[in-house]
Amino acid sequence: MDLLSDILSHIQLSGTLYFRTSFISPWSVKVPDYENVARFHFAHKGRCLIRIEADRPPVLLEQGDLVIITRGAAHTLFCDPTTENEAVQLDQVIEQSGFTGTGALVYGELGTDHETQLVCGHFAFAENKENLLIDALPAYIHIKNYGEDAGVWMENTLKVIGNEAGRQQLGGDMIAMKMSEIIFAQALRAYLENEGADHPVLAGFADPNIAHALTAIHKDPGYSWSLDRLSKVSGMSRTAFATRFSKCMNITPLGYITYWRMQIASEKLTNSSDSIITIAENIGYQSEAAFSRVFKKYNTKSPATYRRSIRQSF
């Protein structure tokens, strides 16, 4: 599994589709915040403005554009600047529209051609799990003319999502939901390959030498990695590798190894029945005691206590 796919699989990414809108001018909708998710809006038809950060200009979302609000922050969608301050809460919009959970969410004054069709939903992440990559992302990612930028296959995928969402055809919402997970991975890849190269942590994934080392760690997290071994994988000298890795990732190479091992351990304790010693050995610890000491530093709980608390919450 490649580096990005491995990270996304461990954060247990899952897509949820809300609806396809038919917002008819004039309209303005205030969307509340939502923890542990990245919300998305894809402009299937028409355009709108999105106010995500109060101290920055609104984002213009044109037909074919995608915006991902990476940490589920509250935001306002509106058709033009004159309507922004008249925004109606999303739950009121749903109630007033009579939306039942099927079909399109139709809202606004009928009899006008100024319609905006958005495909809206979110990508959920596992709760209470730190993730360096997701945490390093900006407040939002805006990709213009997304289908064209990602290639013909993605353009076709977006058309399918737009056509399936809310159409009340058998299996349509499930098709759109699963395809939306592809959208997140592709959008993240596009961002890492472009603007992300200049941001801490994200820069490590964009740097070919550092990415080689990260890939090696992810492929074999239980290996007894050292700076010498990782520097050889990266094709750099020991000193140059350690310096560049720390600068790009905001963490030392050995610190990242420990971090990733704890990510794997948390997932295994949550989703598997493997014994604690088996989990420990698989990620490079020779004893349960050594593993437990490190795990407790990261999670404030011992592995056994962590597992019990997770299971009791289900």
Protein backbone atom coordinates (compact mmCIF):
# COMPACT_ATOMS: atom_id res chain seq x y z
CA MET A 1 0.00 0.00 0.00
CA ASP A 2 1.36 3.43 -0.89
CA LEU A 3 2.12 6.05 1.75
CA LEU A 4 -1.02 8.20 1.45
CA SER A 5 -3.32 5.18 1.20
CA ASP A 6 -1.77 3.70 4.33
CA ILE A 7 -2.36 6.88 6.30
CA LEU A 8 -5.95 7.23 5.12
CA SER A 9 -6.71 3.60 5.95
CA HIS A 10 -5.48 4.07 9.51
CA ILE A 11 -7.61 7.15 10.14
CA GLN A 12 -10.59 5.03 9.04
CA LEU A 13 -11.79 7.48 6.41
CA SER A 14 -15.44 7.08 5.49
CA GLY A 15 -17.58 9.24 3.24
CA THR A 16 -21.11 10.39 4.06
CA LEU A 17 -23.36 12.07 1.54
CA TYR A 18 -25.93 14.58 2.85
CA PHE A 19 -27.80 15.65 -0.25
CA ARG A 20 -27.68 17.36 -3.60
CA THR A 21 -29.07 20.87 -3.30
CA SER A 22 -31.22 22.93 -5.56
CA PHE A 23 -30.72 26.38 -4.04
CA ILE A 24 -32.64 29.07 -5.94
CA SER A 25 -31.65 32.74 -5.58
CA PRO A 26 -31.83 34.56 -3.28
CA TRP A 27 -30.52 32.19 -0.59
CA SER A 28 -28.00 31.98 2.24
CA VAL A 29 -27.36 29.01 4.56
CA LYS A 30 -25.35 28.80 7.77
CA VAL A 31 -23.77 25.37 8.36
CA PRO A 32 -22.78 24.46 11.96
CA ASP A 33 -19.41 23.00 12.93
CA TYR A 34 -18.88 19.25 13.15
CA GLU A 35 -15.96 17.55 14.93
CA ASN A 36 -13.77 14.77 13.48
CA VAL A 37 -14.89 15.36 9.91
CA ALA A 38 -13.88 17.22 6.78
CA ARG A 39 -16.94 18.67 5.06
CA PHE A 40 -17.08 18.99 1.30
CA HIS A 41 -19.11 20.87 -1.29
CA PHE A 42 -18.86 20.16 -5.00
CA ALA A 43 -20.48 22.64 -7.40
CA HIS A 44 -22.38 20.41 -9.83
CA LYS A 45 -24.19 23.34 -11.41
CA GLY A 46 -24.05 27.09 -10.90
CA ARG A 47 -21.90 28.95 -8.39
CA CYS A 48 -21.93 30.37 -4.84
CA LEU A 49 -19.77 31.99 -2.18
CA ILE A 50 -18.54 30.34 1.02
CA ARG A 51 -17.44 32.25 4.12
CA ILE A 52 -15.15 29.89 6.05
CA GLU A 53 -12.87 32.26 7.94
CA ALA A 54 -14.23 35.57 9.23
CA ASP A 55 -10.99 37.47 8.57
CA ARG A 56 -10.54 36.25 4.99
CA PRO A 57 -12.52 36.87 1.78
CA PRO A 58 -15.20 34.32 0.92
CA VAL A 59 -14.34 31.48 -1.44
CA LEU A 60 -15.97 31.65 -4.88
CA LEU A 61 -17.13 28.14 -5.74
CA GLU A 62 -17.84 27.90 -9.46
CA GLN A 63 -19.28 25.03 -11.45
CA GLY A 64 -16.82 22.12 -11.34
CA ASP A 65 -15.04 23.41 -8.21
CA LEU A 66 -14.52 21.41 -5.02
CA VAL A 67 -13.96 22.76 -1.52
CA ILE A 68 -13.03 20.60 1.47
CA ILE A 69 -13.37 22.24 4.89
CA THR A 70 -10.76 20.12 6.58
CA ARG A 71 -11.80 20.33 10.23
CA GLY A 72 -15.55 20.66 9.88
CA ALA A 73 -15.64 24.35 10.81
CA ALA A 74 -18.89 26.33 10.74
CA HIS A 75 -19.34 28.24 7.48
CA THR A 76 -21.88 30.17 5.45
CA LEU A 77 -22.96 29.38 1.89
CA PHE A 78 -24.64 32.23 0.00
CA CYS A 79 -25.59 33.17 -3.54
CA ASP A 80 -24.23 36.75 -3.52
CA PRO A 81 -22.83 39.28 -0.99
CA THR A 82 -26.22 40.90 -0.38
CA THR A 83 -27.61 37.71 1.17
CA GLU A 84 -24.73 36.68 3.48
CA ASN A 85 -26.06 38.46 6.57
CA GLU A 86 -29.49 36.90 6.09
CA ALA A 87 -28.21 33.33 6.42
CA VAL A 88 -30.65 30.75 7.76
CA GLN A 89 -29.46 27.87 9.93
CA LEU A 90 -29.16 24.59 8.03
CA ASP A 91 -31.65 22.74 10.25
CA GLN A 92 -34.23 25.46 9.55
CA VAL A 93 -33.55 25.24 5.82
CA ILE A 94 -34.12 21.49 5.93
CA GLU A 95 -37.35 21.95 7.89
CA GLN A 96 -38.67 24.74 5.66
CA SER A 97 -37.85 22.85 2.49
CA GLY A 98 -39.67 19.73 3.62
CA PHE A 99 -36.59 17.64 2.83
CA THR A 100 -37.16 14.05 3.95
CA GLY A 101 -33.72 12.63 3.33
CA THR A 102 -34.42 11.54 -0.23
CA GLY A 103 -34.27 13.48 -3.47
CA ALA A 104 -32.81 16.97 -3.74
CA LEU A 105 -32.85 19.61 -1.01
CA VAL A 106 -34.83 22.37 -2.75
CA TYR A 107 -34.71 25.80 -1.13
CA GLY A 108 -35.41 29.35 -2.34
CA GLU A 109 -37.94 31.26 -4.37
CA LEU A 110 -39.33 29.35 -7.33
CA GLY A 111 -39.57 30.92 -10.76
CA THR A 112 -35.93 31.95 -11.28
CA ASP A 113 -33.21 30.39 -13.39
CA HIS A 114 -30.47 31.24 -10.88
CA GLU A 115 -30.01 27.76 -9.40
CA THR A 116 -27.01 26.30 -7.57
CA GLN A 117 -26.68 22.55 -7.34
CA LEU A 118 -24.17 21.40 -4.73
CA VAL A 119 -23.24 17.86 -3.77
CA CYS A 120 -22.62 18.07 -0.01
CA GLY A 121 -21.29 15.65 2.55
CA HIS A 122 -18.40 14.90 4.84
CA PHE A 123 -15.44 12.61 5.33
CA ALA A 124 -15.31 11.20 8.86
CA PHE A 125 -12.13 10.24 10.71
CA ALA A 126 -11.66 7.98 13.70
CA GLU A 127 -12.31 9.91 16.92
CA ASN A 128 -9.58 10.83 19.38
CA LYS A 129 -6.77 10.01 16.97
CA GLU A 130 -4.00 12.50 16.32
CA ASN A 131 -2.85 12.55 12.72
CA LEU A 132 0.08 14.72 11.68
CA LEU A 133 -0.99 14.92 8.04
CA ILE A 134 -4.64 15.87 8.61
CA ASP A 135 -3.76 18.28 11.43
CA ALA A 136 -1.26 20.06 9.16
CA LEU A 137 -3.81 20.81 6.46
CA PRO A 138 -5.09 24.40 6.08
CA ALA A 139 -8.61 25.35 7.15
CA TYR A 140 -9.87 24.48 3.69
CA ILE A 141 -8.70 23.14 0.34
CA HIS A 142 -10.22 24.76 -2.76
CA ILE A 143 -9.54 23.04 -6.08
CA LYS A 144 -10.83 24.92 -9.09
CA ASN A 145 -12.31 23.03 -12.01
CA TYR A 146 -11.57 19.91 -10.03
CA GLY A 147 -12.69 17.29 -12.52
CA GLU A 148 -10.47 18.68 -15.28
CA ASP A 149 -7.50 19.10 -12.93
CA ALA A 150 -7.71 15.51 -11.70
CA GLY A 151 -8.13 13.99 -15.15
CA VAL A 152 -10.88 12.51 -17.27
CA TRP A 153 -11.59 9.61 -14.90
CA MET A 154 -12.20 12.02 -12.00
CA GLU A 155 -14.33 14.29 -14.12
CA ASN A 156 -16.48 11.29 -14.97
CA THR A 157 -16.58 10.25 -11.29
CA LEU A 158 -17.83 13.70 -10.31
CA LYS A 159 -20.51 13.55 -12.99
CA VAL A 160 -21.65 10.18 -11.64
CA ILE A 161 -21.77 11.52 -8.07
CA GLY A 162 -23.73 14.56 -9.19
CA ASN A 163 -26.16 12.45 -11.19
CA GLU A 164 -26.62 9.72 -8.56
CA ALA A 165 -26.92 11.87 -5.44
CA GLY A 166 -30.51 12.35 -4.38
CA ARG A 167 -31.99 10.82 -7.53
CA GLN A 168 -33.86 8.12 -5.58
CA GLN A 169 -32.59 5.43 -7.93
CA LEU A 170 -31.73 2.03 -6.47
CA GLY A 171 -28.26 2.15 -4.90
CA GLY A 172 -27.65 5.70 -6.10
CA ASP A 173 -26.75 7.24 -2.75
CA MET A 174 -24.42 4.34 -1.89
CA ILE A 175 -22.63 4.73 -5.21
CA ALA A 176 -22.22 8.47 -4.66
CA MET A 177 -21.08 7.98 -1.05
CA LYS A 178 -18.35 5.46 -1.88
CA MET A 179 -17.14 7.49 -4.81
CA SER A 180 -16.89 10.53 -2.55
CA GLU A 181 -14.14 8.78 -0.55
CA ILE A 182 -12.09 8.69 -3.75
CA ILE A 183 -12.60 12.45 -4.00
CA PHE A 184 -10.89 13.08 -0.66
CA ALA A 185 -7.83 10.96 -1.51
CA GLN A 186 -7.47 12.58 -4.92
CA ALA A 187 -7.95 16.10 -3.56
CA LEU A 188 -5.38 15.50 -0.84
CA ARG A 189 -2.90 14.11 -3.36
CA ALA A 190 -3.40 17.11 -5.64
CA TYR A 191 -2.87 19.50 -2.72
CA LEU A 192 0.29 17.71 -1.50
CA GLU A 193 1.77 17.82 -5.00
CA ASN A 194 1.15 21.57 -5.33
CA GLU A 195 0.56 24.08 -2.51
CA GLY A 196 1.31 21.54 0.22
CA ALA A 197 5.00 21.37 -0.69
CA ASP A 198 5.58 24.65 1.17
CA HIS A 199 3.88 23.70 4.45
CA PRO A 200 5.49 21.92 7.44
CA VAL A 201 4.64 18.21 7.65
CA LEU A 202 3.00 18.31 4.23
CA ALA A 203 6.41 19.20 2.79
CA GLY A 204 7.75 15.85 3.95
CA PHE A 205 5.26 13.98 1.82
CA ALA A 206 6.10 16.16 -1.19
CA ASP A 207 9.89 15.83 -0.78
CA PRO A 208 11.05 12.74 -2.75
CA ASN A 209 13.92 11.87 -0.39
CA ILE A 210 11.86 12.20 2.78
CA ALA A 211 8.93 10.42 1.15
CA HIS A 212 11.19 7.42 0.44
CA ALA A 213 12.00 7.17 4.15
CA LEU A 214 8.37 7.64 5.18
CA THR A 215 7.28 4.92 2.76
CA ALA A 216 9.86 2.52 4.21
CA ILE A 217 8.65 3.20 7.75
CA HIS A 218 5.03 2.60 6.76
CA LYS A 219 5.82 -0.59 4.89
CA ASP A 220 7.68 -2.11 7.85
CA PRO A 221 6.95 -0.18 11.08
CA GLY A 222 8.25 -3.05 13.22
CA TYR A 223 11.72 -2.97 11.69
CA SER A 224 14.58 -1.74 13.90
CA TRP A 225 15.01 1.53 12.05
CA SER A 226 17.96 3.78 12.77
CA LEU A 227 19.11 7.10 11.33
CA ASP A 228 21.78 5.30 9.32
CA ARG A 229 19.28 2.90 7.76
CA LEU A 230 16.74 5.59 6.98
CA SER A 231 19.33 7.94 5.51
CA LYS A 232 20.44 5.18 3.12
CA VAL A 233 16.81 4.65 2.06
CA SER A 234 16.47 8.38 1.42
CA GLY A 235 19.71 8.55 -0.56
CA MET A 236 21.16 11.23 1.73
CA SER A 237 23.91 11.51 4.29
CA ARG A 238 22.93 10.85 7.90
CA THR A 239 23.25 14.50 8.97
CA ALA A 240 21.54 15.94 5.89
CA PHE A 241 18.67 13.46 6.20
CA ALA A 242 18.08 14.13 9.90
CA THR A 243 18.13 17.89 9.32
CA ARG A 244 15.81 17.84 6.32
CA PHE A 245 13.39 15.35 7.89
CA SER A 246 13.02 17.44 11.05
CA LYS A 247 12.58 20.64 9.04
CA CYS A 248 9.97 19.13 6.71
CA MET A 249 8.04 17.09 9.26
CA ASN A 250 8.36 19.14 12.48
CA ILE A 251 9.41 15.92 14.21
CA THR A 252 12.60 13.83 14.25
CA PRO A 253 12.82 10.62 12.20
CA LEU A 254 12.83 8.43 15.31
CA GLY A 255 10.01 10.50 16.78
CA TYR A 256 7.94 9.86 13.67
CA ILE A 257 8.56 6.11 13.91
CA THR A 258 7.24 6.08 17.46
CA TYR A 259 4.27 8.26 16.49
CA TRP A 260 3.29 5.94 13.63
CA ARG A 261 3.71 2.81 15.74
CA MET A 262 1.32 4.29 18.28
CA GLN A 263 -1.19 5.04 15.51
CA ILE A 264 -1.10 1.39 14.47
CA ALA A 265 -1.32 0.22 18.07
CA SER A 266 -4.39 2.38 18.74
CA GLU A 267 -6.15 0.98 15.70
CA LYS A 268 -5.29 -2.63 16.60
CA LEU A 269 -6.44 -2.18 20.19
CA THR A 270 -9.71 -0.73 18.88
CA ASN A 271 -10.50 -3.02 15.97
CA SER A 272 -8.78 -6.36 16.64
CA SER A 273 -8.72 -9.04 19.30
CA ASP A 274 -4.93 -9.45 19.07
CA SER A 275 -3.20 -9.77 22.40
CA ILE A 276 -1.23 -6.78 23.63
CA ILE A 277 2.08 -8.65 23.33
CA THR A 278 1.24 -9.58 19.71
CA ILE A 279 0.53 -5.93 18.87
CA ALA A 280 3.73 -4.89 20.63
CA GLU A 281 5.91 -7.36 18.75
CA ASN A 282 4.35 -6.51 15.39
CA ILE A 283 5.36 -2.86 15.71
CA GLY A 284 8.88 -3.44 16.98
CA TYR A 285 8.72 -3.84 20.77
CA GLN A 286 10.31 -6.86 22.41
CA SER A 287 8.23 -6.76 25.58
CA GLU A 288 4.75 -5.75 26.63
CA ALA A 289 6.20 -3.57 29.38
CA ALA A 290 8.33 -1.53 26.97
CA PHE A 291 5.38 -1.06 24.62
CA SER A 292 3.04 -0.09 27.47
CA ARG A 293 5.43 2.62 28.72
CA VAL A 294 5.57 4.29 25.31
CA PHE A 295 1.85 3.87 24.62
CA LYS A 296 0.93 5.50 27.93
CA LYS A 297 3.07 8.54 27.10
CA TYR A 298 1.05 9.06 23.92
CA ASN A 299 -2.44 8.17 25.17
CA THR A 300 -2.24 8.75 28.96
CA LYS A 301 -3.68 5.24 29.37
CA SER A 302 -2.13 1.80 29.37
CA PRO A 303 -2.98 -0.38 26.32
CA ALA A 304 -5.35 -2.54 28.39
CA THR A 305 -7.17 0.48 29.85
CA TYR A 306 -7.36 2.12 26.43
CA ARG A 307 -8.92 -1.01 24.90
CA ARG A 308 -11.49 -1.28 27.69
CA SER A 309 -12.47 2.38 27.41
CA ILE A 310 -12.95 2.09 23.64
CA ARG A 311 -15.10 -1.02 23.93
CA GLN A 312 -17.23 0.48 26.69
CA SER A 313 -17.98 3.48 24.46
CA PHE A 314 -19.52 1.28 21.73
